[in-house]
Amino acid sequence: MGELKPCPFCKGTVDLVQTMHETLGNRRHHYVCRNCGAIVFLYVKGVKYKSKEETDKEAIEVWNRRTDND
């Protein structure tokens, strides 16, 4: 799994947590800052045919995207 950028609010370490809802066929990701406790949710729709690794990678890419990226 790729590395997550630090929390945009306090620059603290962030953990990625994933839950799967088998009936709806979707995964929910959320990011929790260990320092300030900020929680950011990401809903990944229609992932029945994607592996956990693929959706984790997408979630990390979304988290790491910043307005000042190239």
PDB file of N, CA and C in Angstrom:
ATOM      1  N   MET A   1       0.848  -1.171   0.000  1.00  0.00           N
ATOM      2  CA  MET A   1       0.000   0.000   0.000  1.00  0.00           C
ATOM      3  C   MET A   1       0.888   1.226   0.000  1.00  0.00           C
ATOM      4  N   GLY A   2       0.472   2.254  -0.740  1.00  0.00           N
ATOM      5  CA  GLY A   2       1.238   3.485  -0.830  1.00  0.00           C
ATOM      6  C   GLY A   2       1.209   4.280   0.459  1.00  0.00           C
ATOM      7  N   GLU A   3       2.044   5.282   0.482  1.00  0.00           N
ATOM      8  CA  GLU A   3       2.156   6.111   1.679  1.00  0.00           C
ATOM      9  C   GLU A   3       1.170   7.273   1.612  1.00  0.00           C
ATOM     10  N   LEU A   4       0.504   7.536   2.731  1.00  0.00           N
ATOM     11  CA  LEU A   4      -0.429   8.649   2.819  1.00  0.00           C
ATOM     12  C   LEU A   4       0.299   9.932   3.189  1.00  0.00           C
ATOM     13  N   LYS A   5      -0.106  11.026   2.554  1.00  0.00           N
ATOM     14  CA  LYS A   5       0.427  12.327   2.943  1.00  0.00           C
ATOM     15  C   LYS A   5      -0.087  12.653   4.340  1.00  0.00           C
ATOM     16  N   PRO A   6       0.590  13.549   5.048  1.00  0.00           N
ATOM     17  CA  PRO A   6       0.132  13.911   6.389  1.00  0.00           C
ATOM     18  C   PRO A   6      -1.200  14.659   6.351  1.00  0.00           C
ATOM     19  N   CYS A   7      -1.795  14.791   7.507  1.00  0.00           N
ATOM     20  CA  CYS A   7      -3.059  15.512   7.665  1.00  0.00           C
ATOM     21  C   CYS A   7      -2.908  16.940   7.141  1.00  0.00           C
ATOM     22  N   PRO A   8      -3.845  17.401   6.302  1.00  0.00           N
ATOM     23  CA  PRO A   8      -3.743  18.763   5.774  1.00  0.00           C
ATOM     24  C   PRO A   8      -4.033  19.834   6.830  1.00  0.00           C
ATOM     25  N   PHE A   9      -4.585  19.422   7.963  1.00  0.00           N
ATOM     26  CA  PHE A   9      -4.946  20.379   9.008  1.00  0.00           C
ATOM     27  C   PHE A   9      -3.822  20.602  10.011  1.00  0.00           C
ATOM     28  N   CYS A  10      -3.159  19.509  10.424  1.00  0.00           N
ATOM     29  CA  CYS A  10      -2.140  19.632  11.475  1.00  0.00           C
ATOM     30  C   CYS A  10      -0.809  18.986  11.114  1.00  0.00           C
ATOM     31  N   LYS A  11      -0.741  18.343   9.942  1.00  0.00           N
ATOM     32  CA  LYS A  11       0.464  17.643   9.466  1.00  0.00           C
ATOM     33  C   LYS A  11       0.764  16.362  10.245  1.00  0.00           C
ATOM     34  N   GLY A  12      -0.229  15.856  10.981  1.00  0.00           N
ATOM     35  CA  GLY A  12      -0.066  14.624  11.741  1.00  0.00           C
ATOM     36  C   GLY A  12      -0.148  13.380  10.864  1.00  0.00           C
ATOM     37  N   THR A  13       0.161  12.229  11.439  1.00  0.00           N
ATOM     38  CA  THR A  13       0.105  10.941  10.757  1.00  0.00           C
ATOM     39  C   THR A  13      -1.346  10.514  10.581  1.00  0.00           C
ATOM     40  N   VAL A  14      -1.656   9.972   9.397  1.00  0.00           N
ATOM     41  CA  VAL A  14      -3.026   9.584   9.055  1.00  0.00           C
ATOM     42  C   VAL A  14      -3.091   8.085   8.795  1.00  0.00           C
ATOM     43  N   ASP A  15      -4.172   7.450   9.264  1.00  0.00           N
ATOM     44  CA  ASP A  15      -4.432   6.035   9.004  1.00  0.00           C
ATOM     45  C   ASP A  15      -5.611   5.908   8.052  1.00  0.00           C
ATOM     46  N   LEU A  16      -5.533   4.933   7.137  1.00  0.00           N
ATOM     47  CA  LEU A  16      -6.630   4.620   6.222  1.00  0.00           C
ATOM     48  C   LEU A  16      -7.375   3.422   6.780  1.00  0.00           C
ATOM     49  N   VAL A  17      -8.693   3.544   6.917  1.00  0.00           N
ATOM     50  CA  VAL A  17      -9.534   2.457   7.416  1.00  0.00           C
ATOM     51  C   VAL A  17     -10.561   2.148   6.331  1.00  0.00           C
ATOM     52  N   GLN A  18     -10.776   0.866   6.039  1.00  0.00           N
ATOM     53  CA  GLN A  18     -11.729   0.471   5.011  1.00  0.00           C
ATOM     54  C   GLN A  18     -12.784  -0.446   5.600  1.00  0.00           C
ATOM     55  N   THR A  19     -14.029  -0.219   5.221  1.00  0.00           N
ATOM     56  CA  THR A  19     -15.100  -1.135   5.583  1.00  0.00           C
ATOM     57  C   THR A  19     -15.804  -1.554   4.291  1.00  0.00           C
ATOM     58  N   MET A  20     -16.286  -2.761   4.257  1.00  0.00           N
ATOM     59  CA  MET A  20     -16.949  -3.294   3.064  1.00  0.00           C
ATOM     60  C   MET A  20     -18.390  -3.598   3.388  1.00  0.00           C
ATOM     61  N   HIS A  21     -19.277  -3.158   2.534  1.00  0.00           N
ATOM     62  CA  HIS A  21     -20.699  -3.476   2.656  1.00  0.00           C
ATOM     63  C   HIS A  21     -21.014  -4.456   1.541  1.00  0.00           C
ATOM     64  N   GLU A  22     -20.991  -5.742   1.850  1.00  0.00           N
ATOM     65  CA  GLU A  22     -21.124  -6.802   0.844  1.00  0.00           C
ATOM     66  C   GLU A  22     -22.433  -6.709   0.063  1.00  0.00           C
ATOM     67  N   THR A  23     -23.541  -6.422   0.727  1.00  0.00           N
ATOM     68  CA  THR A  23     -24.834  -6.396   0.053  1.00  0.00           C
ATOM     69  C   THR A  23     -24.894  -5.299  -1.001  1.00  0.00           C
ATOM     70  N   LEU A  24     -24.385  -4.110  -0.659  1.00  0.00           N
ATOM     71  CA  LEU A  24     -24.427  -3.000  -1.598  1.00  0.00           C
ATOM     72  C   LEU A  24     -23.261  -3.024  -2.573  1.00  0.00           C
ATOM     73  N   GLY A  25     -22.265  -3.844  -2.290  1.00  0.00           N
ATOM     74  CA  GLY A  25     -21.121  -3.953  -3.180  1.00  0.00           C
ATOM     75  C   GLY A  25     -20.268  -2.701  -3.218  1.00  0.00           C
ATOM     76  N   ASN A  26     -20.104  -2.064  -2.063  1.00  0.00           N
ATOM     77  CA  ASN A  26     -19.250  -0.885  -2.043  1.00  0.00           C
ATOM     78  C   ASN A  26     -18.330  -0.917  -0.831  1.00  0.00           C
ATOM     79  N   ARG A  27     -17.308  -0.110  -0.937  1.00  0.00           N
ATOM     80  CA  ARG A  27     -16.366   0.018   0.167  1.00  0.00           C
ATOM     81  C   ARG A  27     -16.382   1.457   0.629  1.00  0.00           C
ATOM     82  N   ARG A  28     -16.234   1.625   1.902  1.00  0.00           N
ATOM     83  CA  ARG A  28     -16.127   2.971   2.453  1.00  0.00           C
ATOM     84  C   ARG A  28     -14.758   3.108   3.082  1.00  0.00           C
ATOM     85  N   HIS A  29     -14.096   4.154   2.737  1.00  0.00           N
ATOM     86  CA  HIS A  29     -12.789   4.445   3.309  1.00  0.00           C
ATOM     87  C   HIS A  29     -12.926   5.673   4.179  1.00  0.00           C
ATOM     88  N   HIS A  30     -12.200   5.689   5.244  1.00  0.00           N
ATOM     89  CA  HIS A  30     -12.071   6.934   5.975  1.00  0.00           C
ATOM     90  C   HIS A  30     -10.657   7.065   6.500  1.00  0.00           C
ATOM     91  N   TYR A  31     -10.254   8.294   6.655  1.00  0.00           N
ATOM     92  CA  TYR A  31      -8.906   8.632   7.062  1.00  0.00           C
ATOM     93  C   TYR A  31      -9.014   9.278   8.433  1.00  0.00           C
ATOM     94  N   VAL A  32      -8.181   8.834   9.349  1.00  0.00           N
ATOM     95  CA  VAL A  32      -8.220   9.351  10.714  1.00  0.00           C
ATOM     96  C   VAL A  32      -6.835   9.871  11.068  1.00  0.00           C
ATOM     97  N   CYS A  33      -6.776  11.137  11.490  1.00  0.00           N
ATOM     98  CA  CYS A  33      -5.513  11.722  11.918  1.00  0.00           C
ATOM     99  C   CYS A  33      -5.245  11.305  13.360  1.00  0.00           C
ATOM    100  N   ARG A  34      -4.072  10.767  13.603  1.00  0.00           N
ATOM    101  CA  ARG A  34      -3.702  10.342  14.957  1.00  0.00           C
ATOM    102  C   ARG A  34      -3.473  11.530  15.887  1.00  0.00           C
ATOM    103  N   ASN A  35      -3.159  12.680  15.311  1.00  0.00           N
ATOM    104  CA  ASN A  35      -2.815  13.849  16.118  1.00  0.00           C
ATOM    105  C   ASN A  35      -4.036  14.685  16.488  1.00  0.00           C
ATOM    106  N   CYS A  36      -4.770  15.199  15.489  1.00  0.00           N
ATOM    107  CA  CYS A  36      -5.885  16.112  15.778  1.00  0.00           C
ATOM    108  C   CYS A  36      -7.248  15.425  15.769  1.00  0.00           C
ATOM    109  N   GLY A  37      -7.297  14.169  15.303  1.00  0.00           N
ATOM    110  CA  GLY A  37      -8.552  13.420  15.312  1.00  0.00           C
ATOM    111  C   GLY A  37      -9.470  13.706  14.136  1.00  0.00           C
ATOM    112  N   ALA A  38      -8.994  14.480  13.157  1.00  0.00           N
ATOM    113  CA  ALA A  38      -9.820  14.762  11.984  1.00  0.00           C
ATOM    114  C   ALA A  38     -10.166  13.457  11.276  1.00  0.00           C
ATOM    115  N   ILE A  39     -11.408  13.370  10.787  1.00  0.00           N
ATOM    116  CA  ILE A  39     -11.867  12.193  10.055  1.00  0.00           C
ATOM    117  C   ILE A  39     -12.422  12.661   8.713  1.00  0.00           C
ATOM    118  N   VAL A  40     -11.957  12.030   7.642  1.00  0.00           N
ATOM    119  CA  VAL A  40     -12.432  12.344   6.307  1.00  0.00           C
ATOM    120  C   VAL A  40     -12.930  11.045   5.691  1.00  0.00           C
ATOM    121  N   PHE A  41     -14.156  11.063   5.147  1.00  0.00           N
ATOM    122  CA  PHE A  41     -14.754   9.876   4.556  1.00  0.00           C
ATOM    123  C   PHE A  41     -14.666   9.916   3.045  1.00  0.00           C
ATOM    124  N   LEU A  42     -14.493   8.747   2.443  1.00  0.00           N
ATOM    125  CA  LEU A  42     -14.501   8.586   0.995  1.00  0.00           C
ATOM    126  C   LEU A  42     -15.383   7.392   0.673  1.00  0.00           C
ATOM    127  N   TYR A  43     -16.367   7.606  -0.163  1.00  0.00           N
ATOM    128  CA  TYR A  43     -17.267   6.542  -0.579  1.00  0.00           C
ATOM    129  C   TYR A  43     -16.863   6.097  -1.983  1.00  0.00           C
ATOM    130  N   VAL A  44     -16.516   4.829  -2.145  1.00  0.00           N
ATOM    131  CA  VAL A  44     -16.131   4.282  -3.442  1.00  0.00           C
ATOM    132  C   VAL A  44     -17.286   3.423  -3.936  1.00  0.00           C
ATOM    133  N   LYS A  45     -17.949   3.875  -4.983  1.00  0.00           N
ATOM    134  CA  LYS A  45     -19.148   3.203  -5.485  1.00  0.00           C
ATOM    135  C   LYS A  45     -18.804   2.196  -6.577  1.00  0.00           C
ATOM    136  N   GLY A  46     -19.568   1.104  -6.620  1.00  0.00           N
ATOM    137  CA  GLY A  46     -19.456   0.138  -7.711  1.00  0.00           C
ATOM    138  C   GLY A  46     -18.138  -0.600  -7.762  1.00  0.00           C
ATOM    139  N   VAL A  47     -17.702  -1.118  -6.642  1.00  0.00           N
ATOM    140  CA  VAL A  47     -16.400  -1.779  -6.608  1.00  0.00           C
ATOM    141  C   VAL A  47     -16.511  -3.300  -6.538  1.00  0.00           C
ATOM    142  N   LYS A  48     -17.650  -3.840  -6.920  1.00  0.00           N
ATOM    143  CA  LYS A  48     -17.823  -5.291  -6.854  1.00  0.00           C
ATOM    144  C   LYS A  48     -16.728  -6.037  -7.595  1.00  0.00           C
ATOM    145  N   TYR A  49     -16.239  -5.453  -8.662  1.00  0.00           N
ATOM    146  CA  TYR A  49     -15.278  -6.150  -9.501  1.00  0.00           C
ATOM    147  C   TYR A  49     -13.854  -5.650  -9.316  1.00  0.00           C
ATOM    148  N   LYS A  50     -13.636  -4.868  -8.262  1.00  0.00           N
ATOM    149  CA  LYS A  50     -12.294  -4.384  -7.956  1.00  0.00           C
ATOM    150  C   LYS A  50     -11.811  -5.037  -6.670  1.00  0.00           C
ATOM    151  N   SER A  51     -10.527  -5.266  -6.616  1.00  0.00           N
ATOM    152  CA  SER A  51      -9.951  -5.874  -5.417  1.00  0.00           C
ATOM    153  C   SER A  51      -9.765  -4.815  -4.324  1.00  0.00           C
ATOM    154  N   LYS A  52      -9.560  -5.284  -3.114  1.00  0.00           N
ATOM    155  CA  LYS A  52      -9.283  -4.389  -1.998  1.00  0.00           C
ATOM    156  C   LYS A  52      -8.048  -3.552  -2.302  1.00  0.00           C
ATOM    157  N   GLU A  53      -7.036  -4.161  -2.901  1.00  0.00           N
ATOM    158  CA  GLU A  53      -5.803  -3.443  -3.223  1.00  0.00           C
ATOM    159  C   GLU A  53      -6.063  -2.306  -4.202  1.00  0.00           C
ATOM    160  N   GLU A  54      -6.933  -2.569  -5.207  1.00  0.00           N
ATOM    161  CA  GLU A  54      -7.245  -1.522  -6.192  1.00  0.00           C
ATOM    162  C   GLU A  54      -7.968  -0.347  -5.543  1.00  0.00           C
ATOM    163  N   THR A  55      -8.953  -0.644  -4.692  1.00  0.00           N
ATOM    164  CA  THR A  55      -9.693   0.452  -4.070  1.00  0.00           C
ATOM    165  C   THR A  55      -8.841   1.173  -3.029  1.00  0.00           C
ATOM    166  N   ASP A  56      -7.968   0.449  -2.329  1.00  0.00           N
ATOM    167  CA  ASP A  56      -7.043   1.113  -1.400  1.00  0.00           C
ATOM    168  C   ASP A  56      -6.142   2.080  -2.169  1.00  0.00           C
ATOM    169  N   LYS A  57      -5.635   1.629  -3.309  1.00  0.00           N
ATOM    170  CA  LYS A  57      -4.759   2.484  -4.115  1.00  0.00           C
ATOM    171  C   LYS A  57      -5.500   3.747  -4.554  1.00  0.00           C
ATOM    172  N   GLU A  58      -6.740   3.600  -5.014  1.00  0.00           N
ATOM    173  CA  GLU A  58      -7.539   4.751  -5.428  1.00  0.00           C
ATOM    174  C   GLU A  58      -7.788   5.692  -4.253  1.00  0.00           C
ATOM    175  N   ALA A  59      -8.090   5.121  -3.094  1.00  0.00           N
ATOM    176  CA  ALA A  59      -8.356   5.937  -1.913  1.00  0.00           C
ATOM    177  C   ALA A  59      -7.116   6.732  -1.501  1.00  0.00           C
ATOM    178  N   ILE A  60      -5.951   6.112  -1.604  1.00  0.00           N
ATOM    179  CA  ILE A  60      -4.701   6.795  -1.264  1.00  0.00           C
ATOM    180  C   ILE A  60      -4.438   7.922  -2.260  1.00  0.00           C
ATOM    181  N   GLU A  61      -4.694   7.664  -3.546  1.00  0.00           N
ATOM    182  CA  GLU A  61      -4.504   8.704  -4.560  1.00  0.00           C
ATOM    183  C   GLU A  61      -5.421   9.896  -4.293  1.00  0.00           C
ATOM    184  N   VAL A  62      -6.665   9.625  -3.904  1.00  0.00           N
ATOM    185  CA  VAL A  62      -7.603  10.704  -3.603  1.00  0.00           C
ATOM    186  C   VAL A  62      -7.116  11.499  -2.391  1.00  0.00           C
ATOM    187  N   TRP A  63      -6.709  10.808  -1.339  1.00  0.00           N
ATOM    188  CA  TRP A  63      -6.236  11.490  -0.132  1.00  0.00           C
ATOM    189  C   TRP A  63      -5.013  12.355  -0.430  1.00  0.00           C
ATOM    190  N   ASN A  64      -4.104  11.829  -1.229  1.00  0.00           N
ATOM    191  CA  ASN A  64      -2.854  12.535  -1.498  1.00  0.00           C
ATOM    192  C   ASN A  64      -3.000  13.690  -2.479  1.00  0.00           C
ATOM    193  N   ARG A  65      -4.153  13.804  -3.125  1.00  0.00           N
ATOM    194  CA  ARG A  65      -4.378  14.913  -4.054  1.00  0.00           C
ATOM    195  C   ARG A  65      -4.567  16.192  -3.249  1.00  0.00           C
ATOM    196  N   ARG A  66      -3.821  17.218  -3.637  1.00  0.00           N
ATOM    197  CA  ARG A  66      -3.906  18.514  -2.964  1.00  0.00           C
ATOM    198  C   ARG A  66      -4.116  19.595  -4.027  1.00  0.00           C
ATOM    199  N   THR A  67      -4.656  20.726  -3.621  1.00  0.00           N
ATOM    200  CA  THR A  67      -4.912  21.802  -4.579  1.00  0.00           C
ATOM    201  C   THR A  67      -3.629  22.349  -5.173  1.00  0.00           C
ATOM    202  N   ASP A  68      -2.514  22.169  -4.494  1.00  0.00           N
ATOM    203  CA  ASP A  68      -1.246  22.680  -5.016  1.00  0.00           C
ATOM    204  C   ASP A  68      -0.449  21.647  -5.811  1.00  0.00           C
ATOM    205  N   ASN A  69      -1.083  20.479  -6.121  1.00  0.00           N
ATOM    206  CA  ASN A  69      -0.419  19.469  -6.962  1.00  0.00           C
ATOM    207  C   ASN A  69      -0.239  20.024  -8.368  1.00  0.00           C
ATOM    208  N   ASP A  70       0.747  19.495  -9.078  1.00  0.00           N
ATOM    209  CA  ASP A  70       0.981  19.933 -10.463  1.00  0.00           C
ATOM    210  C   ASP A  70      -0.202  19.663 -11.345  1.00  0.00           C
TER     211      ASP A  70
END
